Amino acid sequence: MEQYLRVGVITSPHGVRGEVKVFPTTDDPERFLDLEEVLLDAPGGLKKLEIEQVHFFKNMVIVKFAGMDNRNDVEGLRQKDLLITREQAVSLEPDENFIVDLIGLSVCTDEGEQLGTLSDVIQTGANDVYCVRTPEGRELLLPAIKDCVLSVDLEKQEMLVHILPGLLDL
């Protein structure tokens, strides 16, 4: 399991007062309002940054870090990930998982057939879709619904699924 979770990616400086535009990679960008600090994934290791101010503009989060007061201070932060620890993460409901924990799970059916490895999660408006890469290199798309996904065991790194009629007919 990953120790850190990505909550955003710095895209560019914003203005001249040391603010940066952050593309949120979290389901709820408003969670930046509750964060006091984040970790910058920089060359040479993680660097702790204290959040001084947060506001929103279109689909971006505008963040001001303590001690970074002009554009020159933040110019080198482009395309850097912002991470949080698992302790800072939001509480999950039962049957919820972080996407990073699902990637790489072994996927098998309730009939004992090994389908492959979960390689990606596509977030749609209705429900997520799990991409499973078969040993032959094919990609299967499975809806992340209770009728299809029966269980997820992160300790065993396994996902048990039920193949709905017609799902594999292509």
N, C-alpha and C. Protein backbone atom coordinates (compact mmCIF):
# COMPACT_ATOMS: atom_id res chain seq x y z
N MET A 1 0.83 -1.18 0.00
CA MET A 1 0.00 0.00 0.00
C MET A 1 0.87 1.25 0.00
N GLU A 2 0.47 2.21 -0.80
CA GLU A 2 1.21 3.47 -0.87
C GLU A 2 1.09 4.21 0.47
N GLN A 3 2.18 4.81 0.90
CA GLN A 3 2.19 5.56 2.15
C GLN A 3 1.59 6.95 1.97
N TYR A 4 1.73 7.51 0.76
CA TYR A 4 1.25 8.86 0.49
C TYR A 4 0.19 8.83 -0.60
N LEU A 5 -0.72 9.78 -0.55
CA LEU A 5 -1.79 9.90 -1.54
C LEU A 5 -1.66 11.25 -2.23
N ARG A 6 -1.76 11.26 -3.55
CA ARG A 6 -1.67 12.51 -4.31
C ARG A 6 -3.02 13.23 -4.26
N VAL A 7 -2.99 14.51 -3.91
CA VAL A 7 -4.21 15.32 -3.88
C VAL A 7 -4.23 16.37 -4.98
N GLY A 8 -3.09 16.60 -5.62
CA GLY A 8 -3.07 17.60 -6.68
C GLY A 8 -1.71 17.67 -7.36
N VAL A 9 -1.71 18.40 -8.48
CA VAL A 9 -0.49 18.65 -9.24
C VAL A 9 -0.41 20.15 -9.49
N ILE A 10 0.72 20.74 -9.15
CA ILE A 10 0.92 22.17 -9.40
C ILE A 10 1.10 22.37 -10.89
N THR A 11 0.28 23.24 -11.49
CA THR A 11 0.39 23.46 -12.93
C THR A 11 1.24 24.67 -13.27
N SER A 12 1.08 25.76 -12.49
CA SER A 12 1.82 26.98 -12.82
C SER A 12 1.68 27.99 -11.68
N PRO A 13 2.56 29.02 -11.69
CA PRO A 13 2.36 30.12 -10.76
C PRO A 13 1.07 30.86 -11.11
N HIS A 14 0.50 31.53 -10.12
CA HIS A 14 -0.72 32.32 -10.33
C HIS A 14 -0.46 33.72 -9.77
N GLY A 15 -0.31 34.67 -10.65
CA GLY A 15 -0.04 36.03 -10.21
C GLY A 15 1.39 36.23 -9.78
N VAL A 16 1.61 37.28 -8.98
CA VAL A 16 2.97 37.64 -8.59
C VAL A 16 3.21 37.51 -7.08
N ARG A 17 2.23 37.02 -6.33
CA ARG A 17 2.35 36.97 -4.86
C ARG A 17 2.69 35.59 -4.31
N GLY A 18 3.20 34.69 -5.16
CA GLY A 18 3.63 33.39 -4.68
C GLY A 18 2.55 32.32 -4.66
N GLU A 19 1.42 32.57 -5.28
CA GLU A 19 0.37 31.56 -5.34
C GLU A 19 0.62 30.64 -6.52
N VAL A 20 0.07 29.41 -6.43
CA VAL A 20 0.18 28.45 -7.52
C VAL A 20 -1.20 27.90 -7.86
N LYS A 21 -1.35 27.53 -9.14
CA LYS A 21 -2.56 26.83 -9.58
C LYS A 21 -2.31 25.35 -9.37
N VAL A 22 -3.28 24.68 -8.76
CA VAL A 22 -3.18 23.25 -8.50
C VAL A 22 -4.35 22.55 -9.17
N PHE A 23 -4.04 21.54 -10.01
CA PHE A 23 -5.09 20.71 -10.57
C PHE A 23 -5.38 19.63 -9.53
N PRO A 24 -6.60 19.62 -8.97
CA PRO A 24 -6.90 18.64 -7.92
C PRO A 24 -7.06 17.23 -8.48
N THR A 25 -6.46 16.26 -7.80
CA THR A 25 -6.61 14.86 -8.17
C THR A 25 -7.40 14.11 -7.10
N THR A 26 -8.13 14.84 -6.31
CA THR A 26 -8.98 14.30 -5.26
C THR A 26 -10.43 14.47 -5.68
N ASP A 27 -11.29 13.61 -5.17
CA ASP A 27 -12.72 13.70 -5.50
C ASP A 27 -13.33 15.02 -5.05
N ASP A 28 -12.82 15.58 -3.96
CA ASP A 28 -13.40 16.79 -3.39
C ASP A 28 -12.32 17.87 -3.25
N PRO A 29 -12.22 18.77 -4.23
CA PRO A 29 -11.19 19.82 -4.14
C PRO A 29 -11.32 20.70 -2.90
N GLU A 30 -12.52 20.78 -2.34
CA GLU A 30 -12.73 21.61 -1.14
C GLU A 30 -11.94 21.08 0.06
N ARG A 31 -11.45 19.84 -0.05
CA ARG A 31 -10.69 19.29 1.07
C ARG A 31 -9.39 20.07 1.30
N PHE A 32 -8.94 20.85 0.29
CA PHE A 32 -7.76 21.70 0.48
C PHE A 32 -7.98 22.72 1.58
N LEU A 33 -9.24 23.10 1.80
CA LEU A 33 -9.55 24.06 2.86
C LEU A 33 -9.22 23.50 4.24
N ASP A 34 -9.27 22.17 4.39
CA ASP A 34 -9.01 21.53 5.68
C ASP A 34 -7.55 21.15 5.89
N LEU A 35 -6.75 21.23 4.84
CA LEU A 35 -5.34 20.84 4.96
C LEU A 35 -4.50 21.99 5.49
N GLU A 36 -3.64 21.69 6.46
CA GLU A 36 -2.71 22.69 6.98
C GLU A 36 -1.37 22.61 6.29
N GLU A 37 -1.02 21.40 5.82
CA GLU A 37 0.25 21.21 5.13
C GLU A 37 0.13 20.07 4.13
N VAL A 38 1.00 20.09 3.15
CA VAL A 38 1.11 19.04 2.15
C VAL A 38 2.59 18.73 1.95
N LEU A 39 2.84 17.64 1.24
CA LEU A 39 4.21 17.27 0.92
C LEU A 39 4.43 17.48 -0.57
N LEU A 40 5.48 18.18 -0.92
CA LEU A 40 5.85 18.41 -2.31
C LEU A 40 6.78 17.29 -2.73
N ASP A 41 6.42 16.59 -3.81
CA ASP A 41 7.26 15.52 -4.34
C ASP A 41 8.29 16.17 -5.27
N ALA A 42 9.44 16.48 -4.71
CA ALA A 42 10.48 17.21 -5.43
C ALA A 42 11.72 16.34 -5.59
N PRO A 43 12.56 16.69 -6.57
CA PRO A 43 13.84 15.96 -6.68
C PRO A 43 14.60 16.06 -5.36
N GLY A 44 15.11 14.96 -4.92
CA GLY A 44 15.83 14.96 -3.65
C GLY A 44 14.97 14.56 -2.47
N GLY A 45 13.67 14.36 -2.70
CA GLY A 45 12.81 13.90 -1.61
C GLY A 45 11.61 14.79 -1.38
N LEU A 46 10.83 14.41 -0.38
CA LEU A 46 9.61 15.14 -0.05
C LEU A 46 9.93 16.37 0.77
N LYS A 47 9.21 17.44 0.49
CA LYS A 47 9.40 18.69 1.21
C LYS A 47 8.05 19.13 1.77
N LYS A 48 8.01 19.39 3.07
CA LYS A 48 6.78 19.80 3.73
C LYS A 48 6.50 21.27 3.44
N LEU A 49 5.28 21.55 2.99
CA LEU A 49 4.87 22.93 2.71
C LEU A 49 3.64 23.26 3.55
N GLU A 50 3.70 24.39 4.24
CA GLU A 50 2.57 24.85 5.05
C GLU A 50 1.63 25.67 4.16
N ILE A 51 0.36 25.32 4.19
CA ILE A 51 -0.64 26.04 3.40
C ILE A 51 -1.09 27.28 4.17
N GLU A 52 -0.95 28.41 3.52
CA GLU A 52 -1.31 29.68 4.13
C GLU A 52 -2.71 30.13 3.72
N GLN A 53 -3.05 29.88 2.45
CA GLN A 53 -4.33 30.36 1.93
C GLN A 53 -4.78 29.48 0.77
N VAL A 54 -6.10 29.29 0.65
CA VAL A 54 -6.68 28.49 -0.43
C VAL A 54 -7.91 29.21 -0.96
N HIS A 55 -8.03 29.29 -2.28
CA HIS A 55 -9.29 29.69 -2.91
C HIS A 55 -9.41 28.98 -4.25
N PHE A 56 -10.53 29.15 -4.88
CA PHE A 56 -10.83 28.36 -6.07
C PHE A 56 -11.08 29.26 -7.27
N PHE A 57 -10.64 28.80 -8.44
CA PHE A 57 -10.86 29.53 -9.68
C PHE A 57 -11.11 28.50 -10.78
N LYS A 58 -12.32 28.50 -11.32
CA LYS A 58 -12.74 27.52 -12.32
C LYS A 58 -12.52 26.11 -11.78
N ASN A 59 -11.77 25.27 -12.48
CA ASN A 59 -11.56 23.90 -12.01
C ASN A 59 -10.26 23.75 -11.23
N MET A 60 -9.65 24.86 -10.86
CA MET A 60 -8.35 24.82 -10.19
C MET A 60 -8.46 25.28 -8.74
N VAL A 61 -7.48 24.84 -7.95
CA VAL A 61 -7.33 25.30 -6.57
C VAL A 61 -6.13 26.24 -6.57
N ILE A 62 -6.32 27.42 -6.04
CA ILE A 62 -5.23 28.39 -5.93
C ILE A 62 -4.69 28.31 -4.49
N VAL A 63 -3.40 28.00 -4.38
CA VAL A 63 -2.81 27.78 -3.06
C VAL A 63 -1.64 28.73 -2.85
N LYS A 64 -1.57 29.27 -1.65
CA LYS A 64 -0.45 30.10 -1.22
C LYS A 64 0.25 29.36 -0.09
N PHE A 65 1.56 29.11 -0.27
CA PHE A 65 2.35 28.42 0.75
C PHE A 65 3.10 29.44 1.60
N ALA A 66 3.25 29.14 2.88
CA ALA A 66 3.99 30.02 3.80
C ALA A 66 5.44 30.12 3.35
N GLY A 67 5.98 31.33 3.38
CA GLY A 67 7.38 31.56 3.04
C GLY A 67 7.65 31.69 1.55
N MET A 68 6.63 31.53 0.73
CA MET A 68 6.78 31.71 -0.71
C MET A 68 5.92 32.91 -1.09
N ASP A 69 6.59 34.06 -1.24
CA ASP A 69 5.85 35.31 -1.35
C ASP A 69 5.91 36.00 -2.70
N ASN A 70 6.60 35.39 -3.65
CA ASN A 70 6.61 35.99 -4.99
C ASN A 70 6.68 34.89 -6.04
N ARG A 71 6.51 35.30 -7.27
CA ARG A 71 6.46 34.35 -8.39
C ARG A 71 7.76 33.55 -8.51
N ASN A 72 8.90 34.18 -8.25
CA ASN A 72 10.18 33.49 -8.35
C ASN A 72 10.29 32.33 -7.36
N ASP A 73 9.66 32.46 -6.19
CA ASP A 73 9.70 31.41 -5.18
C ASP A 73 8.98 30.13 -5.64
N VAL A 74 7.98 30.29 -6.49
CA VAL A 74 7.15 29.13 -6.88
C VAL A 74 7.35 28.69 -8.33
N GLU A 75 8.14 29.41 -9.08
CA GLU A 75 8.35 29.11 -10.50
C GLU A 75 8.85 27.69 -10.72
N GLY A 76 9.69 27.18 -9.86
CA GLY A 76 10.25 25.84 -10.01
C GLY A 76 9.33 24.71 -9.56
N LEU A 77 8.11 25.03 -9.15
CA LEU A 77 7.20 24.00 -8.64
C LEU A 77 6.29 23.41 -9.72
N ARG A 78 6.42 23.88 -10.95
CA ARG A 78 5.55 23.39 -12.03
C ARG A 78 5.63 21.87 -12.15
N GLN A 79 4.44 21.26 -12.37
CA GLN A 79 4.30 19.82 -12.60
C GLN A 79 4.76 18.95 -11.43
N LYS A 80 4.80 19.51 -10.24
CA LYS A 80 5.17 18.73 -9.05
C LYS A 80 3.89 18.26 -8.36
N ASP A 81 3.93 17.03 -7.85
CA ASP A 81 2.80 16.45 -7.13
C ASP A 81 2.73 16.98 -5.71
N LEU A 82 1.49 17.15 -5.23
CA LEU A 82 1.25 17.47 -3.83
C LEU A 82 0.66 16.21 -3.19
N LEU A 83 1.28 15.77 -2.11
CA LEU A 83 0.90 14.53 -1.45
C LEU A 83 0.45 14.79 -0.02
N ILE A 84 -0.33 13.85 0.51
CA ILE A 84 -0.68 13.86 1.92
C ILE A 84 -0.40 12.47 2.47
N THR A 85 -0.32 12.38 3.78
CA THR A 85 -0.15 11.08 4.42
C THR A 85 -1.52 10.41 4.55
N ARG A 86 -1.54 9.13 4.78
CA ARG A 86 -2.81 8.42 4.98
C ARG A 86 -3.57 8.96 6.19
N GLU A 87 -2.85 9.46 7.18
CA GLU A 87 -3.50 10.02 8.36
C GLU A 87 -4.29 11.29 8.01
N GLN A 88 -3.84 12.02 7.00
CA GLN A 88 -4.52 13.24 6.56
C GLN A 88 -5.69 12.94 5.61
N ALA A 89 -5.78 11.72 5.13
CA ALA A 89 -6.79 11.38 4.13
C ALA A 89 -8.19 11.39 4.75
N VAL A 90 -9.18 11.56 3.88
CA VAL A 90 -10.57 11.54 4.34
C VAL A 90 -10.92 10.12 4.77
N SER A 91 -11.87 10.02 5.67
CA SER A 91 -12.34 8.70 6.11
C SER A 91 -13.18 8.08 5.00
N LEU A 92 -12.96 6.80 4.78
CA LEU A 92 -13.70 6.09 3.75
C LEU A 92 -14.92 5.42 4.34
N GLU A 93 -15.97 5.35 3.55
CA GLU A 93 -17.16 4.61 3.93
C GLU A 93 -16.88 3.12 3.74
N PRO A 94 -17.72 2.26 4.34
CA PRO A 94 -17.55 0.82 4.07
C PRO A 94 -17.65 0.56 2.56
N ASP A 95 -16.87 -0.37 2.07
CA ASP A 95 -16.82 -0.73 0.65
C ASP A 95 -16.25 0.37 -0.23
N GLU A 96 -15.55 1.34 0.34
CA GLU A 96 -14.84 2.36 -0.44
C GLU A 96 -13.34 2.11 -0.31
N ASN A 97 -12.61 2.41 -1.38
CA ASN A 97 -11.16 2.25 -1.38
C ASN A 97 -10.54 3.40 -2.15
N PHE A 98 -9.30 3.69 -1.85
CA PHE A 98 -8.55 4.65 -2.64
C PHE A 98 -8.14 3.96 -3.93
N ILE A 99 -8.20 4.67 -5.04
CA ILE A 99 -7.86 4.10 -6.34
C ILE A 99 -6.45 3.54 -6.33
N VAL A 100 -5.53 4.23 -5.71
CA VAL A 100 -4.13 3.79 -5.69
C VAL A 100 -4.00 2.41 -5.03
N ASP A 101 -4.91 2.06 -4.12
CA ASP A 101 -4.87 0.76 -3.47
C ASP A 101 -5.45 -0.35 -4.35
N LEU A 102 -6.29 0.02 -5.32
CA LEU A 102 -6.92 -0.97 -6.20
C LEU A 102 -6.02 -1.37 -7.37
N ILE A 103 -5.23 -0.43 -7.85
CA ILE A 103 -4.36 -0.71 -9.00
C ILE A 103 -3.40 -1.83 -8.64
N GLY A 104 -3.35 -2.85 -9.49
CA GLY A 104 -2.47 -3.98 -9.27
C GLY A 104 -3.12 -5.18 -8.62
N LEU A 105 -4.40 -5.05 -8.20
CA LEU A 105 -5.08 -6.19 -7.59
C LEU A 105 -5.27 -7.31 -8.61
N SER A 106 -5.18 -8.53 -8.15
CA SER A 106 -5.48 -9.69 -8.97
C SER A 106 -7.01 -9.84 -9.00
N VAL A 107 -7.57 -9.99 -10.21
CA VAL A 107 -9.02 -10.06 -10.36
C VAL A 107 -9.40 -11.46 -10.81
N CYS A 108 -10.32 -12.09 -10.03
CA CYS A 108 -10.81 -13.41 -10.42
C CYS A 108 -12.33 -13.45 -10.25
N THR A 109 -12.94 -14.38 -10.98
CA THR A 109 -14.41 -14.47 -10.96
C THR A 109 -14.86 -15.37 -9.83
N ASP A 110 -16.16 -15.30 -9.55
CA ASP A 110 -16.75 -16.15 -8.52
C ASP A 110 -16.81 -17.61 -8.96
N GLU A 111 -16.44 -17.86 -10.22
CA GLU A 111 -16.37 -19.24 -10.73
C GLU A 111 -14.93 -19.76 -10.73
N GLY A 112 -14.01 -18.99 -10.15
CA GLY A 112 -12.63 -19.43 -10.01
C GLY A 112 -11.72 -19.09 -11.17
N GLU A 113 -12.20 -18.36 -12.17
CA GLU A 113 -11.37 -18.01 -13.32
C GLU A 113 -10.54 -16.77 -13.02
N GLN A 114 -9.25 -16.87 -13.30
CA GLN A 114 -8.35 -15.73 -13.12
C GLN A 114 -8.48 -14.81 -14.34
N LEU A 115 -8.98 -13.57 -14.14
CA LEU A 115 -9.18 -12.65 -15.26
C LEU A 115 -7.94 -11.85 -15.61
N GLY A 116 -7.21 -11.40 -14.60
CA GLY A 116 -6.03 -10.58 -14.84
C GLY A 116 -5.76 -9.64 -13.69
N THR A 117 -5.19 -8.49 -14.03
CA THR A 117 -4.78 -7.50 -13.04
C THR A 117 -5.49 -6.18 -13.29
N LEU A 118 -6.00 -5.58 -12.23
CA LEU A 118 -6.66 -4.28 -12.36
C LEU A 118 -5.59 -3.24 -12.70
N SER A 119 -5.72 -2.61 -13.87
CA SER A 119 -4.67 -1.71 -14.35
C SER A 119 -5.06 -0.23 -14.28
N ASP A 120 -6.37 0.06 -14.22
CA ASP A 120 -6.80 1.47 -14.22
C ASP A 120 -8.23 1.55 -13.71
N VAL A 121 -8.61 2.73 -13.26
CA VAL A 121 -9.98 3.01 -12.85
C VAL A 121 -10.43 4.24 -13.62
N ILE A 122 -11.51 4.07 -14.38
CA ILE A 122 -12.08 5.18 -15.14
C ILE A 122 -13.25 5.73 -14.33
N GLN A 123 -13.18 7.03 -14.04
CA GLN A 123 -14.25 7.64 -13.26
C GLN A 123 -15.25 8.27 -14.23
N THR A 124 -16.46 7.72 -14.23
CA THR A 124 -17.53 8.25 -15.07
C THR A 124 -18.53 8.95 -14.17
N GLY A 125 -19.55 9.52 -14.75
CA GLY A 125 -20.56 10.20 -13.94
C GLY A 125 -21.38 9.25 -13.08
N ALA A 126 -21.72 8.09 -13.63
CA ALA A 126 -22.61 7.17 -12.92
C ALA A 126 -21.85 6.31 -11.92
N ASN A 127 -20.91 5.53 -12.40
CA ASN A 127 -20.11 4.67 -11.54
C ASN A 127 -18.72 4.51 -12.16
N ASP A 128 -17.78 4.12 -11.34
CA ASP A 128 -16.43 3.87 -11.84
C ASP A 128 -16.45 2.62 -12.72
N VAL A 129 -15.45 2.52 -13.58
CA VAL A 129 -15.26 1.34 -14.42
C VAL A 129 -13.84 0.85 -14.19
N TYR A 130 -13.71 -0.44 -13.88
CA TYR A 130 -12.41 -1.03 -13.64
C TYR A 130 -11.85 -1.63 -14.92
N CYS A 131 -10.63 -1.29 -15.26
CA CYS A 131 -9.93 -1.84 -16.42
C CYS A 131 -9.07 -2.99 -15.93
N VAL A 132 -9.32 -4.17 -16.48
CA VAL A 132 -8.57 -5.37 -16.09
C VAL A 132 -7.76 -5.82 -17.30
N ARG A 133 -6.45 -5.93 -17.11
CA ARG A 133 -5.54 -6.40 -18.16
C ARG A 133 -5.38 -7.90 -18.01
N THR A 134 -5.75 -8.64 -19.07
CA THR A 134 -5.65 -10.10 -19.04
C THR A 134 -4.21 -10.52 -19.31
N PRO A 135 -3.86 -11.77 -19.00
CA PRO A 135 -2.50 -12.25 -19.31
C PRO A 135 -2.20 -12.20 -20.82
N GLU A 136 -3.23 -12.26 -21.65
CA GLU A 136 -3.04 -12.19 -23.11
C GLU A 136 -2.90 -10.75 -23.60
N GLY A 137 -3.05 -9.78 -22.72
CA GLY A 137 -2.91 -8.38 -23.09
C GLY A 137 -4.21 -7.68 -23.44
N ARG A 138 -5.33 -8.38 -23.38
CA ARG A 138 -6.63 -7.76 -23.63
C ARG A 138 -7.02 -6.88 -22.45
N GLU A 139 -7.91 -5.95 -22.71
CA GLU A 139 -8.42 -5.10 -21.64
C GLU A 139 -9.91 -5.35 -21.47
N LEU A 140 -10.31 -5.71 -20.26
CA LEU A 140 -11.71 -5.92 -19.93
C LEU A 140 -12.19 -4.74 -19.10
N LEU A 141 -13.40 -4.27 -19.38
CA LEU A 141 -13.98 -3.17 -18.62
C LEU A 141 -15.12 -3.71 -17.78
N LEU A 142 -15.00 -3.53 -16.46
CA LEU A 142 -16.00 -4.03 -15.53
C LEU A 142 -16.61 -2.86 -14.75
N PRO A 143 -17.95 -2.78 -14.69
CA PRO A 143 -18.55 -1.70 -13.91
C PRO A 143 -18.32 -1.92 -12.42
N ALA A 144 -18.00 -0.86 -11.72
CA ALA A 144 -17.76 -0.96 -10.27
C ALA A 144 -19.10 -0.82 -9.55
N ILE A 145 -19.91 -1.86 -9.67
CA ILE A 145 -21.21 -1.90 -9.01
C ILE A 145 -21.29 -3.17 -8.18
N LYS A 146 -22.16 -3.17 -7.16
CA LYS A 146 -22.26 -4.31 -6.24
C LYS A 146 -22.61 -5.61 -6.94
N ASP A 147 -23.39 -5.56 -8.03
CA ASP A 147 -23.75 -6.77 -8.75
C ASP A 147 -22.54 -7.41 -9.42
N CYS A 148 -21.52 -6.62 -9.71
CA CYS A 148 -20.34 -7.12 -10.42
C CYS A 148 -19.15 -7.33 -9.49
N VAL A 149 -18.85 -6.36 -8.64
CA VAL A 149 -17.71 -6.45 -7.72
C VAL A 149 -18.21 -7.02 -6.40
N LEU A 150 -17.84 -8.25 -6.13
CA LEU A 150 -18.35 -8.93 -4.94
C LEU A 150 -17.54 -8.61 -3.69
N SER A 151 -16.21 -8.56 -3.84
CA SER A 151 -15.38 -8.25 -2.68
C SER A 151 -14.02 -7.74 -3.12
N VAL A 152 -13.42 -6.96 -2.23
CA VAL A 152 -12.06 -6.46 -2.42
C VAL A 152 -11.30 -6.78 -1.14
N ASP A 153 -10.20 -7.52 -1.29
CA ASP A 153 -9.37 -7.88 -0.14
C ASP A 153 -7.98 -7.28 -0.37
N LEU A 154 -7.73 -6.14 0.27
CA LEU A 154 -6.46 -5.44 0.07
C LEU A 154 -5.29 -6.22 0.67
N GLU A 155 -5.53 -6.97 1.75
CA GLU A 155 -4.45 -7.74 2.36
C GLU A 155 -3.98 -8.86 1.43
N LYS A 156 -4.94 -9.52 0.78
CA LYS A 156 -4.60 -10.61 -0.15
C LYS A 156 -4.33 -10.09 -1.55
N GLN A 157 -4.57 -8.77 -1.77
CA GLN A 157 -4.40 -8.14 -3.09
C GLN A 157 -5.28 -8.82 -4.13
N GLU A 158 -6.55 -9.07 -3.76
CA GLU A 158 -7.48 -9.76 -4.65
C GLU A 158 -8.82 -9.04 -4.74
N MET A 159 -9.42 -9.12 -5.92
CA MET A 159 -10.77 -8.63 -6.14
C MET A 159 -11.58 -9.80 -6.72
N LEU A 160 -12.74 -10.05 -6.14
CA LEU A 160 -13.62 -11.11 -6.60
C LEU A 160 -14.78 -10.46 -7.34
N VAL A 161 -15.02 -10.89 -8.58
CA VAL A 161 -16.06 -10.28 -9.40
C VAL A 161 -17.02 -11.34 -9.94
N HIS A 162 -18.21 -10.90 -10.26
CA HIS A 162 -19.21 -11.73 -10.94
C HIS A 162 -19.38 -11.14 -12.33
N ILE A 163 -19.20 -11.97 -13.35
CA ILE A 163 -19.34 -11.48 -14.71
C ILE A 163 -20.81 -11.49 -15.10
N LEU A 164 -21.34 -10.31 -15.33
CA LEU A 164 -22.75 -10.17 -15.71
C LEU A 164 -22.95 -10.70 -17.14
N PRO A 165 -24.13 -11.23 -17.45
CA PRO A 165 -24.38 -11.75 -18.79
C PRO A 165 -24.11 -10.70 -19.87
N GLY A 166 -23.38 -11.11 -20.89
CA GLY A 166 -23.09 -10.23 -22.01
C GLY A 166 -21.88 -9.34 -21.84
N LEU A 167 -21.28 -9.33 -20.64
CA LEU A 167 -20.18 -8.40 -20.37
C LEU A 167 -18.91 -8.74 -21.15
N LEU A 168 -18.68 -9.99 -21.44
CA LEU A 168 -17.47 -10.41 -22.14
C LEU A 168 -17.74 -10.84 -23.57
N ASP A 169 -18.89 -10.48 -24.12
CA ASP A 169 -19.29 -10.98 -25.44
C ASP A 169 -18.53 -10.37 -26.61
N LEU A 170 -17.74 -9.34 -26.41
CA LEU A 170 -17.02 -8.74 -27.54
C LEU A 170 -15.86 -9.55 -27.86
